[in-house]
Every structure is written in C-alpha cells, then in structure tokens.
C-alpha cells in the first residue's frame, strides 16, 4: 500500500528479486489509497488470489493510518481463517500468525541508507516474521 505506485512497485521489485533459502516473495498488487480509508483497504485486500500473506505500508501514510491498516488486516485474517474452519481461540491464534503488516515509516530511508536499504529492511522484517511460523 503506497501513496506512490511507482515507488511501491520499486520496493516490491527489490524484495521479490532476492529470494531467501525458504521464501520467494512476489508482489500481487499495489494499492494506491489516496485518501486512505478502512473500507478501501478492506476491498483491496479481498481482490488478490491467492490471498496475500503480508501487507507492506509505505512511509507516505501516517502512523495512525498504519495502525488502522493493522486493525483491518487482523479483521481480514480472521475472516480468512474462519472460512478455513477455525473458531474461537484457534481462530485468533491462526489470524495473528497467518500473515503480517510491515510499516515502512517516515524516516526509514535515511535510517537504512537509501531506497535499496528499505527493500532489504522490509525483506528482513518479512523473513523474521515468517521464520517464526510453522510452514
């Protein structure tokens, strides 16, 4: 999810062009949500097939928008896990561990030494999350 489609595709390309031993990442879509609304994100999350396992949020979004996107993501994950037959405590656990949200906050570009660093940082965040999950 990015304010700039071009920039979002560039970061997506950086992430997907360097597969790890365990994971191959691909960009299934870019949502240029301007203005950001919860309902537009919910709609965007339900379009890709196969279902996405991670949402990357660009630095053009505020911390409040990123937090709201995390809430929408958890609702999305719960719906998917419910469709797969999970209920109650199992549904909550599976929804929290099924996928992740990575917020590439304002100032990250400077912190990691440029745009290439953002791609590496985001890929590292994804690998940290998915390495903790059962395959």
Protein backbone atom coordinates (compact mmCIF):
# COMPACT_ATOMS: atom_id res chain seq x y z
CA UNK A 1 0.00 0.00 0.00
CA UNK A 2 1.66 3.19 -1.11
CA UNK A 3 0.93 6.79 -1.96
CA UNK A 4 3.26 6.43 -4.94
CA UNK A 5 2.53 3.43 -7.15
CA UNK A 6 5.92 3.75 -8.85
CA UNK A 7 7.79 3.75 -5.56
CA UNK A 8 5.72 0.85 -4.20
CA UNK A 9 6.49 -1.23 -7.30
CA UNK A 10 10.18 -0.39 -6.98
CA UNK A 11 10.28 -1.57 -3.37
CA UNK A 12 8.27 -4.67 -4.29
CA UNK A 13 10.78 -5.45 -7.03
CA UNK A 14 13.68 -5.09 -4.58
CA UNK A 15 12.01 -7.54 -2.19
CA UNK A 16 10.97 -10.11 -4.76
CA UNK A 17 14.26 -10.10 -6.70
CA UNK A 18 16.20 -11.52 -3.73
CA UNK A 19 14.58 -14.79 -2.64
CA UNK A 20 15.84 -16.42 0.52
CA UNK A 21 16.50 -20.12 1.03
CA UNK A 22 12.99 -20.62 2.43
CA UNK A 23 10.87 -17.91 0.81
CA UNK A 24 10.12 -16.41 -2.57
CA UNK A 25 8.28 -13.12 -2.33
CA UNK A 26 6.10 -11.65 -5.05
CA UNK A 27 4.01 -8.53 -5.37
CA UNK A 28 0.40 -9.41 -6.14
CA UNK A 29 -0.80 -5.84 -6.30
CA UNK A 30 -0.23 -2.26 -5.29
CA UNK A 31 -3.00 -0.28 -3.63
CA UNK A 32 -2.53 3.46 -4.13
CA UNK A 33 -5.01 4.50 -1.49
CA UNK A 34 -5.32 8.27 -1.64
CA UNK A 35 -7.10 9.15 0.50
CA UNK A 36 -6.74 6.18 2.83
CA UNK A 37 -9.96 4.65 4.15
CA UNK A 38 -10.53 1.42 6.05
CA UNK A 39 -13.18 0.34 3.58
CA UNK A 40 -10.93 0.86 0.55
CA UNK A 41 -8.18 -1.23 2.19
CA UNK A 42 -10.65 -3.97 3.07
CA UNK A 43 -11.77 -4.09 -0.54
CA UNK A 44 -8.16 -4.12 -1.82
CA UNK A 45 -7.21 -6.99 0.50
CA UNK A 46 -10.02 -9.17 -0.82
CA UNK A 47 -9.07 -8.88 -4.50
CA UNK A 48 -5.81 -10.87 -4.91
CA UNK A 49 -5.90 -14.61 -5.38
CA UNK A 50 -4.10 -16.42 -3.92
CA UNK A 51 -4.66 -14.48 -0.72
CA UNK A 52 -1.81 -12.26 0.34
CA UNK A 53 0.18 -13.07 3.48
CA UNK A 54 1.77 -9.68 4.04
CA UNK A 55 0.79 -6.05 3.69
CA UNK A 56 3.56 -3.51 3.24
CA UNK A 57 2.67 0.08 4.06
CA UNK A 58 4.72 2.93 2.63
CA UNK A 59 6.02 5.91 4.56
CA UNK A 60 3.53 8.24 2.89
CA UNK A 61 0.97 7.00 5.39
CA UNK A 62 0.76 8.29 8.95
CA UNK A 63 1.34 6.11 11.99
CA UNK A 64 -2.41 6.37 12.73
CA UNK A 65 -3.26 5.16 9.22
CA UNK A 66 -0.78 2.30 9.59
CA UNK A 67 -2.34 1.33 12.92
CA UNK A 68 -5.81 1.35 11.35
CA UNK A 69 -4.46 -0.77 8.48
CA UNK A 70 -3.18 -3.29 11.06
CA UNK A 71 -6.70 -3.46 12.52
CA UNK A 72 -8.21 -4.01 9.05
CA UNK A 73 -5.53 -6.65 8.35
CA UNK A 74 -6.45 -8.56 11.53
CA UNK A 75 -10.15 -8.49 10.53
CA UNK A 76 -9.17 -9.76 7.06
CA UNK A 77 -7.06 -12.54 8.61
CA UNK A 78 -9.88 -13.54 10.95
CA UNK A 79 -12.32 -13.78 8.04
CA UNK A 80 -9.90 -15.97 6.06
CA UNK A 81 -9.23 -18.28 8.99
CA UNK A 82 -12.95 -18.53 9.74
CA UNK A 83 -13.55 -19.56 6.11
CA UNK A 84 -10.93 -22.29 6.63
CA UNK A 85 -12.86 -23.65 9.61
CA UNK A 86 -11.01 -22.13 12.55
CA UNK A 87 -13.08 -20.93 15.53
CA UNK A 88 -12.61 -19.35 18.94
CA UNK A 89 -9.11 -19.39 20.39
CA UNK A 90 -7.70 -21.29 17.39
CA UNK A 91 -9.09 -18.63 15.04
CA UNK A 92 -7.44 -15.79 16.98
CA UNK A 93 -4.08 -17.58 17.09
CA UNK A 94 -4.17 -18.50 13.41
CA UNK A 95 -5.25 -14.96 12.42
CA UNK A 96 -2.30 -13.43 14.32
CA UNK A 97 0.26 -15.83 12.86
CA UNK A 98 -1.03 -16.28 9.30
CA UNK A 99 0.40 -13.06 7.88
CA UNK A 100 1.94 -9.73 8.81
CA UNK A 101 1.93 -5.99 8.28
CA UNK A 102 5.21 -4.13 7.68
CA UNK A 103 5.12 -0.33 8.04
CA UNK A 104 7.95 1.45 6.25
CA UNK A 105 7.65 4.55 8.41
CA UNK A 106 8.75 8.07 7.60
CA UNK A 107 12.48 8.45 8.12
CA UNK A 108 13.26 4.82 7.31
CA UNK A 109 15.01 5.74 4.05
CA UNK A 110 17.55 7.85 5.96
CA UNK A 111 17.93 5.28 8.74
CA UNK A 112 18.75 2.39 6.36
CA UNK A 113 20.90 4.35 3.89
CA UNK A 114 18.60 4.87 0.91
CA UNK A 115 15.93 3.08 -1.10
CA UNK A 116 17.96 -0.15 -1.52
CA UNK A 117 18.17 -0.31 2.25
CA UNK A 118 14.38 -0.05 2.51
CA UNK A 119 13.95 -3.14 0.34
CA UNK A 120 16.48 -5.08 2.40
CA UNK A 121 14.90 -3.90 5.67
CA UNK A 122 11.38 -4.87 4.55
CA UNK A 123 12.56 -8.29 3.34
CA UNK A 124 14.27 -8.79 6.72
CA UNK A 125 11.03 -7.93 8.54
CA UNK A 126 9.14 -10.47 6.42
CA UNK A 127 11.72 -13.18 6.99
CA UNK A 128 11.79 -12.51 10.75
CA UNK A 129 8.02 -12.98 10.88
CA UNK A 130 7.71 -16.00 8.58
CA UNK A 131 10.71 -17.82 10.07
CA UNK A 132 8.81 -17.89 13.38
CA UNK A 133 5.74 -19.52 11.80
CA UNK A 134 5.24 -23.23 11.04
CA UNK A 135 5.36 -23.90 7.30
